[in-house]
Amino acid sequence: MCRGVPGARLPDTLRSGRPRSMKPPSNVKTPAQYIASLPADRAKTIATVRALVNKHIPPGYDECLVWGTIGWTIPLSRYPDTYNQQPICYVALSSQKNFCSLYLMGAFWSASQLEQLKAAFKAAGKKLDMGKCCVHFQSPDDLPLQAIGKLISAISSEKWIEMYEQSRLRTKAGQAQRSKQGAPSTTKLSAKRVRTKRRR
């Protein structure tokens, strides 16, 4: 089983290490088994959205179980240098007690993606029920599926690694590691840019 977290900055629902979802049985090890463990109506909903993600997910992401949910991550075999030695998660999908949740980490890390997501819901005349990165829904009909697929396909695995690294550098741990390596911190780099602009 693949286990992981979104990256350097964790949404509240994943901060404790497990989303607030209905925990699957211990024998559930794969996405297919996860869906099979759900009630029929909920299984159909999750299967439909899973198919949407798989249709649009760019190459380089690995579908697996992420803390008891279906997730699409950068596998450690490709990028092992994560802050917690766990794969970087890009998209996750879970069945919770009262609704389903689609975790769109791109909308959490990218202001542009978040605005596009909000605009897509508005254009489709659908209500956006969203936490920091998770979109809650009862059925696929609650989602602007085509727009969400487009957003998912917009960030390549290479770009996601780059975004992760940039986010990590903004943390205290990232700054400390950068200092140990003898590289200037992002704060120092910003100050240097300001001084350069003033000289001009």
N, C-alpha and C. Protein backbone atom coordinates (compact mmCIF):
# COMPACT_ATOMS: atom_id res chain seq x y z
N MET A 1 0.84 -1.20 0.00
CA MET A 1 0.00 0.00 0.00
C MET A 1 0.87 1.24 0.00
N CYS A 2 0.50 2.19 -0.81
CA CYS A 2 1.21 3.46 -0.87
C CYS A 2 0.60 4.39 0.17
N ARG A 3 1.42 5.06 0.97
CA ARG A 3 0.91 5.99 1.96
C ARG A 3 1.57 7.34 1.75
N GLY A 4 0.85 8.43 1.97
CA GLY A 4 1.46 9.72 1.71
C GLY A 4 0.66 10.88 2.24
N VAL A 5 1.20 12.07 2.10
CA VAL A 5 0.55 13.31 2.48
C VAL A 5 0.76 14.30 1.36
N PRO A 6 0.00 15.38 1.31
CA PRO A 6 0.11 16.31 0.19
C PRO A 6 1.47 16.95 0.03
N GLY A 7 2.17 17.25 1.09
CA GLY A 7 3.46 17.91 0.93
C GLY A 7 3.83 18.72 2.14
N ALA A 8 4.57 19.80 1.92
CA ALA A 8 5.11 20.56 3.03
C ALA A 8 4.04 21.25 3.86
N ARG A 9 2.94 21.67 3.23
CA ARG A 9 1.86 22.32 3.95
C ARG A 9 0.63 21.42 3.88
N LEU A 10 0.12 21.02 5.04
CA LEU A 10 -0.95 20.05 5.07
C LEU A 10 -2.31 20.68 5.33
N PRO A 11 -3.32 20.36 4.52
CA PRO A 11 -4.67 20.78 4.84
C PRO A 11 -5.08 20.16 6.18
N ASP A 12 -5.95 20.80 6.93
CA ASP A 12 -6.34 20.33 8.26
C ASP A 12 -6.85 18.90 8.24
N THR A 13 -7.59 18.52 7.20
CA THR A 13 -8.18 17.19 7.16
C THR A 13 -7.13 16.10 7.01
N LEU A 14 -5.93 16.45 6.58
CA LEU A 14 -4.88 15.46 6.42
C LEU A 14 -3.74 15.67 7.42
N ARG A 15 -3.81 16.71 8.23
CA ARG A 15 -2.71 17.05 9.12
C ARG A 15 -2.45 15.97 10.15
N SER A 16 -3.51 15.30 10.60
CA SER A 16 -3.35 14.28 11.63
C SER A 16 -2.84 12.97 11.06
N GLY A 17 -2.68 12.89 9.76
CA GLY A 17 -2.18 11.67 9.15
C GLY A 17 -3.26 10.83 8.51
N ARG A 18 -4.53 11.12 8.80
CA ARG A 18 -5.62 10.37 8.19
C ARG A 18 -6.80 11.30 7.96
N PRO A 19 -7.35 11.34 6.74
CA PRO A 19 -8.50 12.21 6.49
C PRO A 19 -9.67 11.82 7.38
N ARG A 20 -10.58 12.77 7.58
CA ARG A 20 -11.77 12.48 8.36
C ARG A 20 -12.76 11.71 7.51
N SER A 21 -12.40 10.52 7.13
CA SER A 21 -13.24 9.69 6.28
C SER A 21 -13.57 8.40 7.01
N MET A 22 -14.49 7.63 6.46
CA MET A 22 -14.82 6.35 7.05
C MET A 22 -13.67 5.38 6.78
N LYS A 23 -13.06 4.91 7.83
CA LYS A 23 -11.89 4.05 7.71
C LYS A 23 -12.27 2.72 7.05
N PRO A 24 -11.56 2.34 5.98
CA PRO A 24 -11.89 1.07 5.32
C PRO A 24 -11.39 -0.11 6.15
N PRO A 25 -11.92 -1.30 5.91
CA PRO A 25 -11.45 -2.49 6.63
C PRO A 25 -9.95 -2.69 6.43
N SER A 26 -9.30 -3.36 7.37
CA SER A 26 -7.85 -3.54 7.33
C SER A 26 -7.38 -4.35 6.14
N ASN A 27 -8.28 -5.16 5.56
CA ASN A 27 -7.89 -5.98 4.41
C ASN A 27 -7.95 -5.22 3.09
N VAL A 28 -8.38 -3.96 3.12
CA VAL A 28 -8.45 -3.15 1.91
C VAL A 28 -7.06 -2.60 1.60
N LYS A 29 -6.51 -3.00 0.48
CA LYS A 29 -5.13 -2.63 0.12
C LYS A 29 -5.02 -1.89 -1.21
N THR A 30 -6.07 -1.91 -2.02
CA THR A 30 -6.02 -1.30 -3.35
C THR A 30 -7.24 -0.40 -3.56
N PRO A 31 -7.16 0.53 -4.53
CA PRO A 31 -8.32 1.37 -4.85
C PRO A 31 -9.56 0.56 -5.21
N ALA A 32 -9.38 -0.53 -5.96
CA ALA A 32 -10.52 -1.36 -6.36
C ALA A 32 -11.18 -1.99 -5.12
N GLN A 33 -10.37 -2.45 -4.18
CA GLN A 33 -10.90 -3.04 -2.95
C GLN A 33 -11.59 -1.97 -2.11
N TYR A 34 -11.06 -0.75 -2.13
CA TYR A 34 -11.67 0.35 -1.39
C TYR A 34 -13.08 0.59 -1.89
N ILE A 35 -13.24 0.66 -3.21
CA ILE A 35 -14.56 0.90 -3.80
C ILE A 35 -15.50 -0.27 -3.50
N ALA A 36 -14.98 -1.48 -3.58
CA ALA A 36 -15.80 -2.67 -3.32
C ALA A 36 -16.29 -2.72 -1.87
N SER A 37 -15.59 -2.06 -0.97
CA SER A 37 -15.96 -2.08 0.45
C SER A 37 -17.08 -1.09 0.78
N LEU A 38 -17.44 -0.24 -0.18
CA LEU A 38 -18.43 0.81 0.05
C LEU A 38 -19.85 0.33 -0.28
N PRO A 39 -20.88 0.98 0.29
CA PRO A 39 -22.25 0.68 -0.12
C PRO A 39 -22.41 0.93 -1.61
N ALA A 40 -23.35 0.26 -2.25
CA ALA A 40 -23.48 0.28 -3.71
C ALA A 40 -23.59 1.68 -4.30
N ASP A 41 -24.43 2.54 -3.71
CA ASP A 41 -24.61 3.88 -4.28
C ASP A 41 -23.35 4.72 -4.12
N ARG A 42 -22.70 4.61 -2.96
CA ARG A 42 -21.46 5.36 -2.74
C ARG A 42 -20.33 4.81 -3.61
N ALA A 43 -20.29 3.50 -3.79
CA ALA A 43 -19.27 2.88 -4.64
C ALA A 43 -19.38 3.39 -6.07
N LYS A 44 -20.62 3.52 -6.57
CA LYS A 44 -20.83 4.01 -7.93
C LYS A 44 -20.33 5.44 -8.08
N THR A 45 -20.60 6.28 -7.07
CA THR A 45 -20.15 7.68 -7.10
C THR A 45 -18.64 7.77 -7.10
N ILE A 46 -17.99 7.05 -6.19
CA ILE A 46 -16.53 7.08 -6.09
C ILE A 46 -15.89 6.51 -7.35
N ALA A 47 -16.47 5.44 -7.90
CA ALA A 47 -15.92 4.83 -9.11
C ALA A 47 -15.99 5.80 -10.29
N THR A 48 -17.07 6.56 -10.37
CA THR A 48 -17.23 7.52 -11.47
C THR A 48 -16.17 8.62 -11.39
N VAL A 49 -15.98 9.16 -10.20
CA VAL A 49 -15.00 10.25 -10.04
C VAL A 49 -13.57 9.69 -10.17
N ARG A 50 -13.36 8.48 -9.70
CA ARG A 50 -12.03 7.85 -9.87
C ARG A 50 -11.71 7.72 -11.36
N ALA A 51 -12.68 7.30 -12.15
CA ALA A 51 -12.48 7.16 -13.59
C ALA A 51 -12.13 8.50 -14.23
N LEU A 52 -12.79 9.56 -13.75
CA LEU A 52 -12.50 10.90 -14.26
C LEU A 52 -11.04 11.28 -13.98
N VAL A 53 -10.60 11.03 -12.74
CA VAL A 53 -9.22 11.37 -12.39
C VAL A 53 -8.24 10.56 -13.23
N ASN A 54 -8.48 9.26 -13.33
CA ASN A 54 -7.58 8.41 -14.12
C ASN A 54 -7.54 8.81 -15.59
N LYS A 55 -8.64 9.34 -16.09
CA LYS A 55 -8.69 9.77 -17.49
C LYS A 55 -7.82 11.00 -17.72
N HIS A 56 -7.75 11.88 -16.73
CA HIS A 56 -7.07 13.16 -16.92
C HIS A 56 -5.73 13.30 -16.20
N ILE A 57 -5.40 12.37 -15.32
CA ILE A 57 -4.15 12.49 -14.55
C ILE A 57 -2.95 12.39 -15.49
N PRO A 58 -2.01 13.33 -15.43
CA PRO A 58 -0.84 13.27 -16.31
C PRO A 58 0.07 12.08 -15.96
N PRO A 59 0.94 11.69 -16.86
CA PRO A 59 1.88 10.60 -16.58
C PRO A 59 2.79 10.95 -15.40
N GLY A 60 3.23 9.93 -14.68
CA GLY A 60 4.17 10.15 -13.59
C GLY A 60 3.56 10.07 -12.21
N TYR A 61 2.21 10.06 -12.14
CA TYR A 61 1.55 9.91 -10.84
C TYR A 61 1.16 8.44 -10.65
N ASP A 62 1.18 8.00 -9.40
CA ASP A 62 0.90 6.61 -9.07
C ASP A 62 -0.41 6.53 -8.28
N GLU A 63 -1.39 5.77 -8.76
CA GLU A 63 -2.63 5.59 -8.03
C GLU A 63 -2.43 4.53 -6.95
N CYS A 64 -2.86 4.85 -5.73
CA CYS A 64 -2.64 3.94 -4.60
C CYS A 64 -3.61 4.32 -3.48
N LEU A 65 -3.45 3.70 -2.31
CA LEU A 65 -4.21 4.12 -1.15
C LEU A 65 -3.38 5.10 -0.35
N VAL A 66 -3.98 6.23 0.02
CA VAL A 66 -3.30 7.29 0.77
C VAL A 66 -4.06 7.49 2.07
N TRP A 67 -3.51 6.99 3.17
CA TRP A 67 -4.16 7.13 4.48
C TRP A 67 -5.63 6.70 4.43
N GLY A 68 -5.88 5.57 3.81
CA GLY A 68 -7.24 5.04 3.80
C GLY A 68 -8.14 5.62 2.73
N THR A 69 -7.59 6.36 1.77
CA THR A 69 -8.37 6.89 0.66
C THR A 69 -7.64 6.58 -0.64
N ILE A 70 -8.32 6.79 -1.76
CA ILE A 70 -7.66 6.64 -3.05
C ILE A 70 -6.85 7.91 -3.32
N GLY A 71 -5.60 7.75 -3.71
CA GLY A 71 -4.77 8.92 -3.96
C GLY A 71 -3.89 8.73 -5.18
N TRP A 72 -3.43 9.84 -5.73
CA TRP A 72 -2.52 9.84 -6.87
C TRP A 72 -1.29 10.62 -6.43
N THR A 73 -0.15 9.94 -6.38
CA THR A 73 1.06 10.50 -5.78
C THR A 73 2.27 10.41 -6.71
N ILE A 74 3.32 11.15 -6.32
CA ILE A 74 4.63 10.96 -6.94
C ILE A 74 5.31 9.84 -6.16
N PRO A 75 5.56 8.68 -6.76
CA PRO A 75 6.12 7.56 -6.00
C PRO A 75 7.52 7.86 -5.45
N LEU A 76 7.83 7.28 -4.31
CA LEU A 76 9.14 7.49 -3.69
C LEU A 76 10.28 6.97 -4.56
N SER A 77 9.99 5.99 -5.41
CA SER A 77 11.02 5.47 -6.30
C SER A 77 11.49 6.54 -7.27
N ARG A 78 10.63 7.53 -7.51
CA ARG A 78 10.99 8.62 -8.41
C ARG A 78 11.49 9.84 -7.65
N TYR A 79 10.83 10.15 -6.52
CA TYR A 79 11.21 11.34 -5.75
C TYR A 79 11.20 10.98 -4.26
N PRO A 80 12.32 10.49 -3.74
CA PRO A 80 12.38 10.04 -2.33
C PRO A 80 12.65 11.17 -1.34
N ASP A 81 13.10 12.33 -1.79
CA ASP A 81 13.53 13.39 -0.88
C ASP A 81 12.35 14.26 -0.42
N THR A 82 11.42 13.65 0.34
CA THR A 82 10.29 14.39 0.89
C THR A 82 10.55 14.68 2.36
N TYR A 83 9.83 15.67 2.90
CA TYR A 83 10.12 16.11 4.26
C TYR A 83 9.75 15.05 5.31
N ASN A 84 8.85 14.13 4.98
CA ASN A 84 8.45 13.10 5.95
C ASN A 84 8.65 11.68 5.42
N GLN A 85 9.44 11.55 4.35
CA GLN A 85 9.73 10.25 3.74
C GLN A 85 8.47 9.54 3.24
N GLN A 86 7.46 10.33 2.88
CA GLN A 86 6.23 9.79 2.31
C GLN A 86 6.04 10.40 0.91
N PRO A 87 5.34 9.71 0.02
CA PRO A 87 5.11 10.23 -1.34
C PRO A 87 4.33 11.55 -1.33
N ILE A 88 4.57 12.39 -2.31
CA ILE A 88 3.84 13.65 -2.44
C ILE A 88 2.51 13.36 -3.13
N CYS A 89 1.42 13.75 -2.49
CA CYS A 89 0.09 13.50 -3.05
C CYS A 89 -0.39 14.68 -3.87
N TYR A 90 -1.02 14.40 -5.00
CA TYR A 90 -1.54 15.44 -5.90
C TYR A 90 -3.06 15.50 -5.87
N VAL A 91 -3.71 14.35 -5.94
CA VAL A 91 -5.17 14.25 -5.89
C VAL A 91 -5.53 13.09 -4.97
N ALA A 92 -6.62 13.24 -4.21
CA ALA A 92 -7.11 12.13 -3.38
C ALA A 92 -8.64 12.13 -3.43
N LEU A 93 -9.21 10.97 -3.15
CA LEU A 93 -10.66 10.79 -3.25
C LEU A 93 -11.12 9.90 -2.11
N SER A 94 -12.12 10.36 -1.35
CA SER A 94 -12.56 9.57 -0.20
C SER A 94 -14.07 9.57 -0.05
N SER A 95 -14.56 8.51 0.58
CA SER A 95 -15.95 8.40 0.97
C SER A 95 -16.02 8.70 2.46
N GLN A 96 -16.72 9.76 2.83
CA GLN A 96 -16.85 10.13 4.23
C GLN A 96 -18.25 9.81 4.73
N LYS A 97 -18.52 10.12 5.98
CA LYS A 97 -19.78 9.71 6.58
C LYS A 97 -20.99 10.31 5.86
N ASN A 98 -20.94 11.62 5.61
CA ASN A 98 -22.11 12.30 5.05
C ASN A 98 -21.94 12.76 3.61
N PHE A 99 -20.76 12.59 3.05
CA PHE A 99 -20.51 13.03 1.67
C PHE A 99 -19.22 12.41 1.17
N CYS A 100 -18.90 12.66 -0.08
CA CYS A 100 -17.62 12.26 -0.66
C CYS A 100 -16.74 13.50 -0.74
N SER A 101 -15.43 13.30 -0.79
CA SER A 101 -14.51 14.43 -0.90
C SER A 101 -13.46 14.15 -1.98
N LEU A 102 -13.24 15.17 -2.79
CA LEU A 102 -12.19 15.12 -3.80
C LEU A 102 -11.13 16.15 -3.38
N TYR A 103 -9.95 15.66 -3.06
CA TYR A 103 -8.87 16.55 -2.60
C TYR A 103 -8.07 17.01 -3.82
N LEU A 104 -8.16 18.29 -4.11
CA LEU A 104 -7.44 18.87 -5.24
C LEU A 104 -6.31 19.74 -4.68
N MET A 105 -5.14 19.12 -4.51
CA MET A 105 -4.01 19.83 -3.90
C MET A 105 -3.54 20.99 -4.78
N GLY A 106 -3.78 20.88 -6.09
CA GLY A 106 -3.40 21.97 -6.99
C GLY A 106 -4.13 23.25 -6.63
N ALA A 107 -5.41 23.13 -6.25
CA ALA A 107 -6.19 24.30 -5.86
C ALA A 107 -5.76 24.82 -4.50
N PHE A 108 -5.12 23.98 -3.71
CA PHE A 108 -4.62 24.39 -2.39
C PHE A 108 -3.32 25.18 -2.53
N TRP A 109 -2.47 24.77 -3.46
CA TRP A 109 -1.16 25.40 -3.65
C TRP A 109 -1.16 26.49 -4.70
N SER A 110 -2.12 26.49 -5.61
CA SER A 110 -2.12 27.44 -6.71
C SER A 110 -3.36 28.33 -6.67
N ALA A 111 -3.14 29.63 -6.49
CA ALA A 111 -4.26 30.59 -6.46
C ALA A 111 -4.98 30.58 -7.79
N SER A 112 -4.26 30.41 -8.88
CA SER A 112 -4.85 30.38 -10.21
C SER A 112 -5.80 29.19 -10.35
N GLN A 113 -5.35 28.02 -9.88
CA GLN A 113 -6.21 26.83 -9.96
C GLN A 113 -7.46 27.00 -9.11
N LEU A 114 -7.31 27.60 -7.94
CA LEU A 114 -8.46 27.81 -7.06
C LEU A 114 -9.49 28.73 -7.71
N GLU A 115 -9.02 29.80 -8.34
CA GLU A 115 -9.94 30.73 -9.00
C GLU A 115 -10.64 30.06 -10.19
N GLN A 116 -9.90 29.22 -10.93
CA GLN A 116 -10.50 28.50 -12.05
C GLN A 116 -11.56 27.52 -11.56
N LEU A 117 -11.29 26.89 -10.42
CA LEU A 117 -12.24 25.94 -9.85
C LEU A 117 -13.53 26.65 -9.44
N LYS A 118 -13.38 27.78 -8.76
CA LYS A 118 -14.55 28.57 -8.34
C LYS A 118 -15.35 29.04 -9.55
N ALA A 119 -14.65 29.49 -10.58
CA ALA A 119 -15.32 29.97 -11.79
C ALA A 119 -16.06 28.85 -12.50
N ALA A 120 -15.49 27.64 -12.48
CA ALA A 120 -16.13 26.50 -13.13
C ALA A 120 -17.44 26.14 -12.44
N PHE A 121 -17.45 26.15 -11.12
CA PHE A 121 -18.68 25.87 -10.40
C PHE A 121 -19.73 26.93 -10.69
N LYS A 122 -19.31 28.18 -10.70
CA LYS A 122 -20.25 29.28 -10.94
C LYS A 122 -20.83 29.18 -12.35
N ALA A 123 -19.98 28.91 -13.34
CA ALA A 123 -20.44 28.82 -14.73
C ALA A 123 -21.41 27.66 -14.92
N ALA A 124 -21.20 26.58 -14.14
CA ALA A 124 -22.07 25.42 -14.26
C ALA A 124 -23.33 25.54 -13.40
N GLY A 125 -23.42 26.62 -12.62
CA GLY A 125 -24.58 26.80 -11.76
C GLY A 125 -24.62 25.81 -10.62
N LYS A 126 -23.44 25.37 -10.18
CA LYS A 126 -23.36 24.39 -9.09
C LYS A 126 -22.76 25.04 -7.84
N LYS A 127 -23.15 24.55 -6.68
CA LYS A 127 -22.66 25.09 -5.42
C LYS A 127 -21.34 24.45 -5.04
N LEU A 128 -20.34 25.27 -4.73
CA LEU A 128 -19.03 24.77 -4.33
C LEU A 128 -18.98 24.66 -2.81
N ASP A 129 -18.89 23.44 -2.32
CA ASP A 129 -18.74 23.16 -0.89
C ASP A 129 -17.30 22.69 -0.70
N MET A 130 -16.45 23.58 -0.19
CA MET A 130 -15.02 23.30 -0.20
C MET A 130 -14.33 23.67 1.10
N GLY A 131 -13.40 22.81 1.53
CA GLY A 131 -12.51 23.13 2.63
C GLY A 131 -11.26 23.76 2.02
N LYS A 132 -10.09 23.53 2.64
CA LYS A 132 -8.87 24.13 2.11
C LYS A 132 -8.49 23.54 0.76
N CYS A 133 -8.70 22.25 0.59
CA CYS A 133 -8.38 21.65 -0.71
C CYS A 133 -9.41 20.60 -1.12
N CYS A 134 -10.35 20.30 -0.23
CA CYS A 134 -11.29 19.22 -0.53
C CYS A 134 -12.65 19.75 -0.96
N VAL A 135 -13.13 19.21 -2.05
CA VAL A 135 -14.45 19.55 -2.57
C VAL A 135 -15.41 18.45 -2.14
N HIS A 136 -16.45 18.81 -1.38
CA HIS A 136 -17.42 17.84 -0.90
C HIS A 136 -18.56 17.72 -1.90
N PHE A 137 -19.04 16.51 -2.09
CA PHE A 137 -20.14 16.29 -3.04
C PHE A 137 -20.91 15.03 -2.67
N GLN A 138 -22.15 14.98 -3.12
CA GLN A 138 -23.00 13.81 -2.88
C GLN A 138 -22.99 12.86 -4.08
N SER A 139 -22.93 13.46 -5.29
CA SER A 139 -22.93 12.66 -6.52
C SER A 139 -22.08 13.37 -7.57
N PRO A 140 -21.66 12.66 -8.60
CA PRO A 140 -20.88 13.30 -9.67
C PRO A 140 -21.60 14.48 -10.31
N ASP A 141 -22.93 14.46 -10.24
CA ASP A 141 -23.72 15.56 -10.82
C ASP A 141 -23.49 16.88 -10.09
N ASP A 142 -22.95 16.81 -8.89
CA ASP A 142 -22.67 18.03 -8.11
C ASP A 142 -21.39 18.73 -8.59
N LEU A 143 -20.65 18.07 -9.46
CA LEU A 143 -19.34 18.57 -9.88
C LEU A 143 -19.31 18.99 -11.35
N PRO A 144 -18.58 20.05 -11.69
CA PRO A 144 -18.33 20.38 -13.10
C PRO A 144 -17.19 19.47 -13.60
N LEU A 145 -17.54 18.26 -13.96
CA LEU A 145 -16.55 17.21 -14.20
C LEU A 145 -15.53 17.58 -15.27
N GLN A 146 -15.99 18.15 -16.37
CA GLN A 146 -15.08 18.49 -17.47
C GLN A 146 -14.03 19.50 -17.01
N ALA A 147 -14.46 20.50 -16.26
CA ALA A 147 -13.54 21.54 -15.78
C ALA A 147 -12.56 20.97 -14.77
N ILE A 148 -13.04 20.09 -13.88
CA ILE A 148 -12.15 19.48 -12.89
C ILE A 148 -11.12 18.60 -13.58
N GLY A 149 -11.55 17.86 -14.59
CA GLY A 149 -10.60 17.04 -15.35
C GLY A 149 -9.52 17.89 -15.98
N LYS A 150 -9.92 19.04 -16.52
CA LYS A 150 -8.97 19.95 -17.14
C LYS A 150 -7.96 20.48 -16.12
N LEU A 151 -8.44 20.81 -14.91
CA LEU A 151 -7.55 21.31 -13.86
C LEU A 151 -6.56 20.23 -13.44
N ILE A 152 -7.05 19.00 -13.30
CA ILE A 152 -6.17 17.90 -12.91
C ILE A 152 -5.08 17.67 -13.95
N SER A 153 -5.44 17.78 -15.22
CA SER A 153 -4.47 17.53 -16.29
C SER A 153 -3.47 18.67 -16.47
N ALA A 154 -3.73 19.81 -15.82
CA ALA A 154 -2.92 21.01 -16.05
C ALA A 154 -1.55 20.99 -15.37
N ILE A 155 -1.38 20.18 -14.34
CA ILE A 155 -0.11 20.17 -13.60
C ILE A 155 0.59 18.83 -13.80
N SER A 156 1.67 18.86 -14.56
CA SER A 156 2.44 17.65 -14.82
C SER A 156 3.12 17.19 -13.53
N SER A 157 3.54 15.95 -13.50
CA SER A 157 4.24 15.45 -12.31
C SER A 157 5.54 16.21 -12.09
N GLU A 158 6.20 16.62 -13.18
CA GLU A 158 7.43 17.41 -13.06
C GLU A 158 7.14 18.77 -12.42
N LYS A 159 6.05 19.40 -12.85
CA LYS A 159 5.66 20.70 -12.30
C LYS A 159 5.25 20.56 -10.84
N TRP A 160 4.58 19.45 -10.49
CA TRP A 160 4.14 19.24 -9.12
C TRP A 160 5.34 19.10 -8.17
N ILE A 161 6.37 18.41 -8.64
CA ILE A 161 7.59 18.29 -7.83
C ILE A 161 8.22 19.66 -7.63
N GLU A 162 8.23 20.46 -8.69
CA GLU A 162 8.78 21.81 -8.60
C GLU A 162 7.99 22.66 -7.61
N MET A 163 6.65 22.56 -7.66
CA MET A 163 5.80 23.31 -6.73
C MET A 163 6.03 22.85 -5.30
N TYR A 164 6.19 21.55 -5.12
CA TYR A 164 6.47 20.99 -3.79
C TYR A 164 7.78 21.56 -3.24
N GLU A 165 8.81 21.56 -4.08
CA GLU A 165 10.11 22.06 -3.64
C GLU A 165 10.05 23.54 -3.29
N GLN A 166 9.33 24.31 -4.07
CA GLN A 166 9.19 25.74 -3.79
C GLN A 166 8.45 25.96 -2.47
N SER A 167 7.40 25.16 -2.24
CA SER A 167 6.65 25.29 -1.00
C SER A 167 7.49 24.87 0.20
N ARG A 168 8.26 23.83 0.01
CA ARG A 168 9.10 23.33 1.10
C ARG A 168 10.16 24.35 1.51
N LEU A 169 10.68 25.09 0.53
CA LEU A 169 11.70 26.10 0.83
C LEU A 169 11.15 27.24 1.67
N ARG A 170 9.83 27.40 1.69
CA ARG A 170 9.24 28.47 2.48
C ARG A 170 9.02 28.08 3.94
N THR A 171 9.26 26.79 4.27
CA THR A 171 9.10 26.34 5.64
C THR A 171 10.41 26.54 6.40
N LYS A 172 10.35 26.53 7.74
CA LYS A 172 11.55 26.68 8.56
C LYS A 172 12.52 25.54 8.31
N ALA A 173 11.97 24.33 8.18
CA ALA A 173 12.83 23.17 7.92
C ALA A 173 13.55 23.30 6.59
N GLY A 174 12.82 23.79 5.58
CA GLY A 174 13.42 23.98 4.26
C GLY A 174 14.50 25.04 4.28
N GLN A 175 14.25 26.13 5.01
CA GLN A 175 15.24 27.19 5.14
C GLN A 175 16.50 26.67 5.83
N ALA A 176 16.30 25.85 6.87
CA ALA A 176 17.44 25.30 7.63
C ALA A 176 18.28 24.39 6.75
N GLN A 177 17.58 23.55 5.97
CA GLN A 177 18.30 22.63 5.09
C GLN A 177 19.07 23.40 4.03
N ARG A 178 18.46 24.46 3.49
CA ARG A 178 19.11 25.27 2.47
C ARG A 178 20.36 25.95 3.04
N SER A 179 20.26 26.41 4.28
CA SER A 179 21.40 27.06 4.93
C SER A 179 22.56 26.07 5.11
N LYS A 180 22.23 24.84 5.51
CA LYS A 180 23.25 23.82 5.69
C LYS A 180 23.98 23.52 4.39
N GLN A 181 23.24 23.62 3.29
CA GLN A 181 23.83 23.35 1.98
C GLN A 181 24.60 24.55 1.43
N GLY A 182 24.56 25.65 2.19
CA GLY A 182 25.31 26.84 1.79
C GLY A 182 24.61 27.70 0.77
N ALA A 183 23.32 27.43 0.52
CA ALA A 183 22.56 28.23 -0.44
C ALA A 183 21.85 29.35 0.29
N PRO A 184 21.67 30.51 -0.33
CA PRO A 184 20.97 31.62 0.33
C PRO A 184 19.52 31.30 0.56
N SER A 185 18.95 31.76 1.66
CA SER A 185 17.54 31.52 1.97
C SER A 185 16.67 32.35 1.04
N THR A 186 15.38 32.00 0.99
CA THR A 186 14.46 32.76 0.14
C THR A 186 14.33 34.19 0.64
N THR A 187 14.47 34.39 1.97
CA THR A 187 14.40 35.74 2.54
C THR A 187 15.58 36.57 2.05
N LYS A 188 16.78 35.97 2.07
CA LYS A 188 17.97 36.67 1.60
C LYS A 188 17.89 36.95 0.11
N LEU A 189 17.34 35.97 -0.63
CA LEU A 189 17.21 36.16 -2.07
C LEU A 189 16.26 37.32 -2.37
N SER A 190 15.16 37.41 -1.61
CA SER A 190 14.21 38.50 -1.80
C SER A 190 14.85 39.84 -1.50
N ALA A 191 15.64 39.89 -0.41
CA ALA A 191 16.32 41.12 -0.04
C ALA A 191 17.32 41.53 -1.11
N LYS A 192 17.99 40.54 -1.69
CA LYS A 192 18.96 40.82 -2.74
C LYS A 192 18.27 41.40 -3.97
N ARG A 193 17.08 40.87 -4.30
CA ARG A 193 16.34 41.40 -5.45
C ARG A 193 15.93 42.85 -5.21
N VAL A 194 15.52 43.16 -3.99
CA VAL A 194 15.12 44.53 -3.66
C VAL A 194 16.29 45.48 -3.81
N ARG A 195 17.47 45.08 -3.30
CA ARG A 195 18.65 45.92 -3.40
C ARG A 195 19.04 46.15 -4.85
N THR A 196 18.90 45.08 -5.67
CA THR A 196 19.24 45.19 -7.09
C THR A 196 18.32 46.18 -7.80
N LYS A 197 17.02 46.13 -7.47
CA LYS A 197 16.05 47.05 -8.08
C LYS A 197 16.35 48.48 -7.69
N ARG A 198 16.76 48.69 -6.42
CA ARG A 198 17.06 50.05 -5.97
C ARG A 198 18.25 50.64 -6.69
N ARG A 199 19.24 49.80 -7.01
CA ARG A 199 20.42 50.30 -7.73
C ARG A 199 20.03 50.78 -9.11
N ARG A 200 19.04 50.11 -9.69
CA ARG A 200 18.61 50.52 -11.04
C ARG A 200 17.87 51.85 -10.97
